[in-house]
Amino acid sequence: MRMPPAASPEISMSLQNRFIRRLSARTGLNQTELTRFIKFAIVGAIGMVVDLTVLTISREILGLPLTLAVALGFSLAVVNNFTLNRFWTFPESRNRPIASQLVQFTVVNLIGLAINEVIVLGLHPIFSGVIQDPFAYLSAKVIAIGVVLFWNYGANRVWTYKGIE
């Protein structure tokens, strides 16, 4: 069986640009901001893998309490996300001092951590009545990550990355 040739980078970019234009028209967001949000979400997905992996290892292998395991996974994901967002999502931000930017990003994410903890610790007892751990706390964690994505993007966009066009 013969496989079709892979799409050229030009075709791939054209499809990507068309998708962004359509989504932009439907959401009312400008294309640049929408592209940034998508990149931020991709970075967040990578951070979610880091977060869930550390959470699961901390809880299931190291036996740490859920609150500490959630905080540890979240913290390592924040470091990962800050690095990727600084260099990929908001590359223009590299002109600013890294220390102050990291402090702002951390403050936003600490508030995000509080939101995250409330959601996970609130949903875990409900979910554990239906499914067993680790699926109960991982399900709660995925919901928390989805909620915190919007908080983190909005707060970082207006504070940490303000003024970036």
Protein backbone atom coordinates (compact mmCIF):
# COMPACT_ATOMS: atom_id res chain seq x y z
CA MET A 1 0.00 0.00 0.00
CA ARG A 2 1.37 3.38 -0.99
CA MET A 3 1.29 6.17 1.61
CA PRO A 4 0.43 9.71 0.54
CA PRO A 5 3.32 12.17 0.75
CA ALA A 6 3.56 14.27 3.89
CA ALA A 7 2.18 17.77 3.61
CA SER A 8 4.77 20.40 2.83
CA PRO A 9 5.46 23.06 5.48
CA GLU A 10 3.79 25.66 3.23
CA ILE A 11 0.56 23.64 3.03
CA SER A 12 0.65 22.96 6.75
CA MET A 13 1.11 26.67 7.55
CA SER A 14 -1.66 27.58 5.11
CA LEU A 15 -4.09 25.18 6.83
CA GLN A 16 -3.02 26.46 10.23
CA ASN A 17 -3.52 30.09 9.16
CA ARG A 18 -6.93 29.29 7.67
CA PHE A 19 -7.96 27.55 10.91
CA ILE A 20 -6.79 30.51 13.01
CA ARG A 21 -8.61 33.01 10.73
CA ARG A 22 -11.87 31.05 10.96
CA LEU A 23 -11.63 30.58 14.70
CA SER A 24 -10.73 34.24 15.12
CA ALA A 25 -13.80 35.30 13.12
CA ARG A 26 -16.06 33.07 15.23
CA THR A 27 -14.66 34.08 18.62
CA GLY A 28 -14.07 37.75 17.90
CA LEU A 29 -10.45 37.50 19.09
CA ASN A 30 -7.68 38.86 16.91
CA GLN A 31 -5.54 36.25 15.18
CA THR A 32 -2.35 37.07 17.08
CA GLU A 33 -4.06 36.76 20.46
CA LEU A 34 -5.81 33.55 19.44
CA THR A 35 -2.50 32.06 18.26
CA ARG A 36 -0.94 33.02 21.60
CA PHE A 37 -3.81 31.41 23.52
CA ILE A 38 -3.43 28.20 21.51
CA LYS A 39 0.32 28.17 22.18
CA PHE A 40 -0.38 28.86 25.87
CA ALA A 41 -2.82 25.93 25.90
CA ILE A 42 -0.23 23.65 24.22
CA VAL A 43 2.34 24.67 26.83
CA GLY A 44 -0.32 24.01 29.45
CA ALA A 45 -0.92 20.53 28.01
CA ILE A 46 2.79 19.78 28.30
CA GLY A 47 2.69 21.18 31.82
CA MET A 48 -0.31 18.96 32.55
CA VAL A 49 1.75 15.89 31.62
CA VAL A 50 4.52 17.07 33.96
CA ASP A 51 1.98 17.88 36.68
CA LEU A 52 0.06 14.60 36.48
CA THR A 53 3.24 12.53 36.25
CA VAL A 54 4.77 14.16 39.33
CA LEU A 55 1.43 13.99 41.17
CA THR A 56 1.03 10.28 40.44
CA ILE A 57 4.63 9.39 41.33
CA SER A 58 4.48 11.51 44.51
CA ARG A 59 1.23 9.95 45.61
CA GLU A 60 1.46 6.35 44.42
CA ILE A 61 5.19 5.64 44.75
CA LEU A 62 6.42 8.11 47.37
CA GLY A 63 3.19 8.03 49.41
CA LEU A 64 3.03 11.81 49.91
CA PRO A 65 -0.22 13.37 51.16
CA LEU A 66 -2.53 14.52 48.35
CA THR A 67 -2.16 18.23 49.21
CA LEU A 68 1.64 18.06 49.02
CA ALA A 69 1.64 15.88 45.90
CA VAL A 70 -0.71 18.33 44.13
CA ALA A 71 1.51 21.29 45.10
CA LEU A 72 4.70 19.53 43.98
CA GLY A 73 3.32 18.54 40.59
CA PHE A 74 1.87 22.00 40.08
CA SER A 75 5.16 23.71 41.04
CA LEU A 76 7.28 21.70 38.61
CA ALA A 77 4.72 22.35 35.88
CA VAL A 78 4.95 26.11 36.60
CA VAL A 79 8.72 26.11 36.05
CA ASN A 80 8.25 24.17 32.82
CA ASN A 81 5.45 26.45 31.65
CA PHE A 82 7.31 29.67 32.47
CA THR A 83 10.29 28.57 30.41
CA LEU A 84 8.22 27.47 27.40
CA ASN A 85 5.96 30.53 27.51
CA ARG A 86 8.91 32.93 27.76
CA PHE A 87 10.65 31.42 24.75
CA TRP A 88 7.73 30.30 22.55
CA THR A 89 4.34 31.82 23.42
CA PHE A 90 5.61 35.31 24.32
CA PRO A 91 9.12 35.48 22.79
CA GLU A 92 8.98 39.29 22.87
CA SER A 93 9.03 39.07 26.66
CA ARG A 94 12.67 38.00 26.61
CA ASN A 95 13.56 41.70 26.39
CA ARG A 96 12.29 42.13 29.95
CA PRO A 97 14.15 41.16 33.12
CA ILE A 98 13.63 37.45 33.78
CA ALA A 99 13.58 37.79 37.59
CA SER A 100 10.64 40.20 37.77
CA GLN A 101 8.78 38.28 35.09
CA LEU A 102 9.29 35.01 36.96
CA VAL A 103 8.01 36.62 40.17
CA GLN A 104 4.87 37.86 38.38
CA PHE A 105 4.33 34.48 36.70
CA THR A 106 4.79 32.74 40.06
CA VAL A 107 2.32 35.02 41.85
CA VAL A 108 -0.32 34.37 39.18
CA ASN A 109 0.36 30.64 39.41
CA LEU A 110 0.22 30.62 43.22
CA ILE A 111 -3.30 32.00 42.96
CA GLY A 112 -3.87 29.34 40.30
CA LEU A 113 -2.52 26.75 42.74
CA ALA A 114 -5.04 27.86 45.38
CA ILE A 115 -7.86 27.54 42.84
CA ASN A 116 -6.41 24.18 41.78
CA GLU A 117 -6.25 22.87 45.37
CA VAL A 118 -9.83 23.96 46.14
CA ILE A 119 -11.13 22.20 43.03
CA VAL A 120 -9.10 18.98 43.50
CA LEU A 121 -9.77 18.70 47.22
CA GLY A 122 -13.44 19.57 46.67
CA LEU A 123 -14.05 17.13 43.83
CA HIS A 124 -11.86 14.25 45.07
CA PRO A 125 -14.30 13.09 47.79
CA ILE A 126 -17.17 13.23 45.29
CA PHE A 127 -15.27 11.31 42.61
CA SER A 128 -13.82 8.79 45.05
CA GLY A 129 -17.39 7.77 45.91
CA VAL A 130 -17.76 6.64 42.29
CA ILE A 131 -14.25 5.68 41.13
CA GLN A 132 -11.10 4.62 42.94
CA ASP A 133 -7.81 6.46 43.27
CA PRO A 134 -5.73 7.34 41.33
CA PHE A 135 -8.55 7.93 38.83
CA ALA A 136 -10.62 9.93 41.34
CA TYR A 137 -7.95 12.53 42.10
CA LEU A 138 -6.63 12.56 38.53
CA SER A 139 -10.13 13.30 37.21
CA ALA A 140 -10.49 16.12 39.71
CA LYS A 141 -7.06 17.39 38.70
CA VAL A 142 -7.91 17.48 34.97
CA ILE A 143 -11.00 19.60 35.72
CA ALA A 144 -8.92 21.91 37.90
CA ILE A 145 -6.31 22.31 35.14
CA GLY A 146 -9.03 23.29 32.68
CA VAL A 147 -10.39 25.98 35.00
CA VAL A 148 -6.97 27.31 35.96
CA LEU A 149 -5.91 27.55 32.28
CA PHE A 150 -8.28 30.49 31.78
CA TRP A 151 -7.24 32.19 35.02
CA ASN A 152 -3.54 31.80 34.25
CA TYR A 153 -3.78 33.03 30.67
CA GLY A 154 -5.93 36.04 31.52
CA ALA A 155 -3.91 37.13 34.54
CA ASN A 156 -0.54 36.56 32.88
CA ARG A 157 -1.66 38.34 29.72
CA VAL A 158 -2.73 41.50 31.58
CA TRP A 159 0.12 41.52 34.11
CA THR A 160 3.17 39.37 33.31
CA TYR A 161 3.00 39.88 29.54
CA LYS A 162 1.18 43.22 29.37
CA GLY A 163 2.14 45.57 26.58
CA ILE A 164 3.31 42.79 24.28
CA GLU A 165 1.65 43.20 20.90
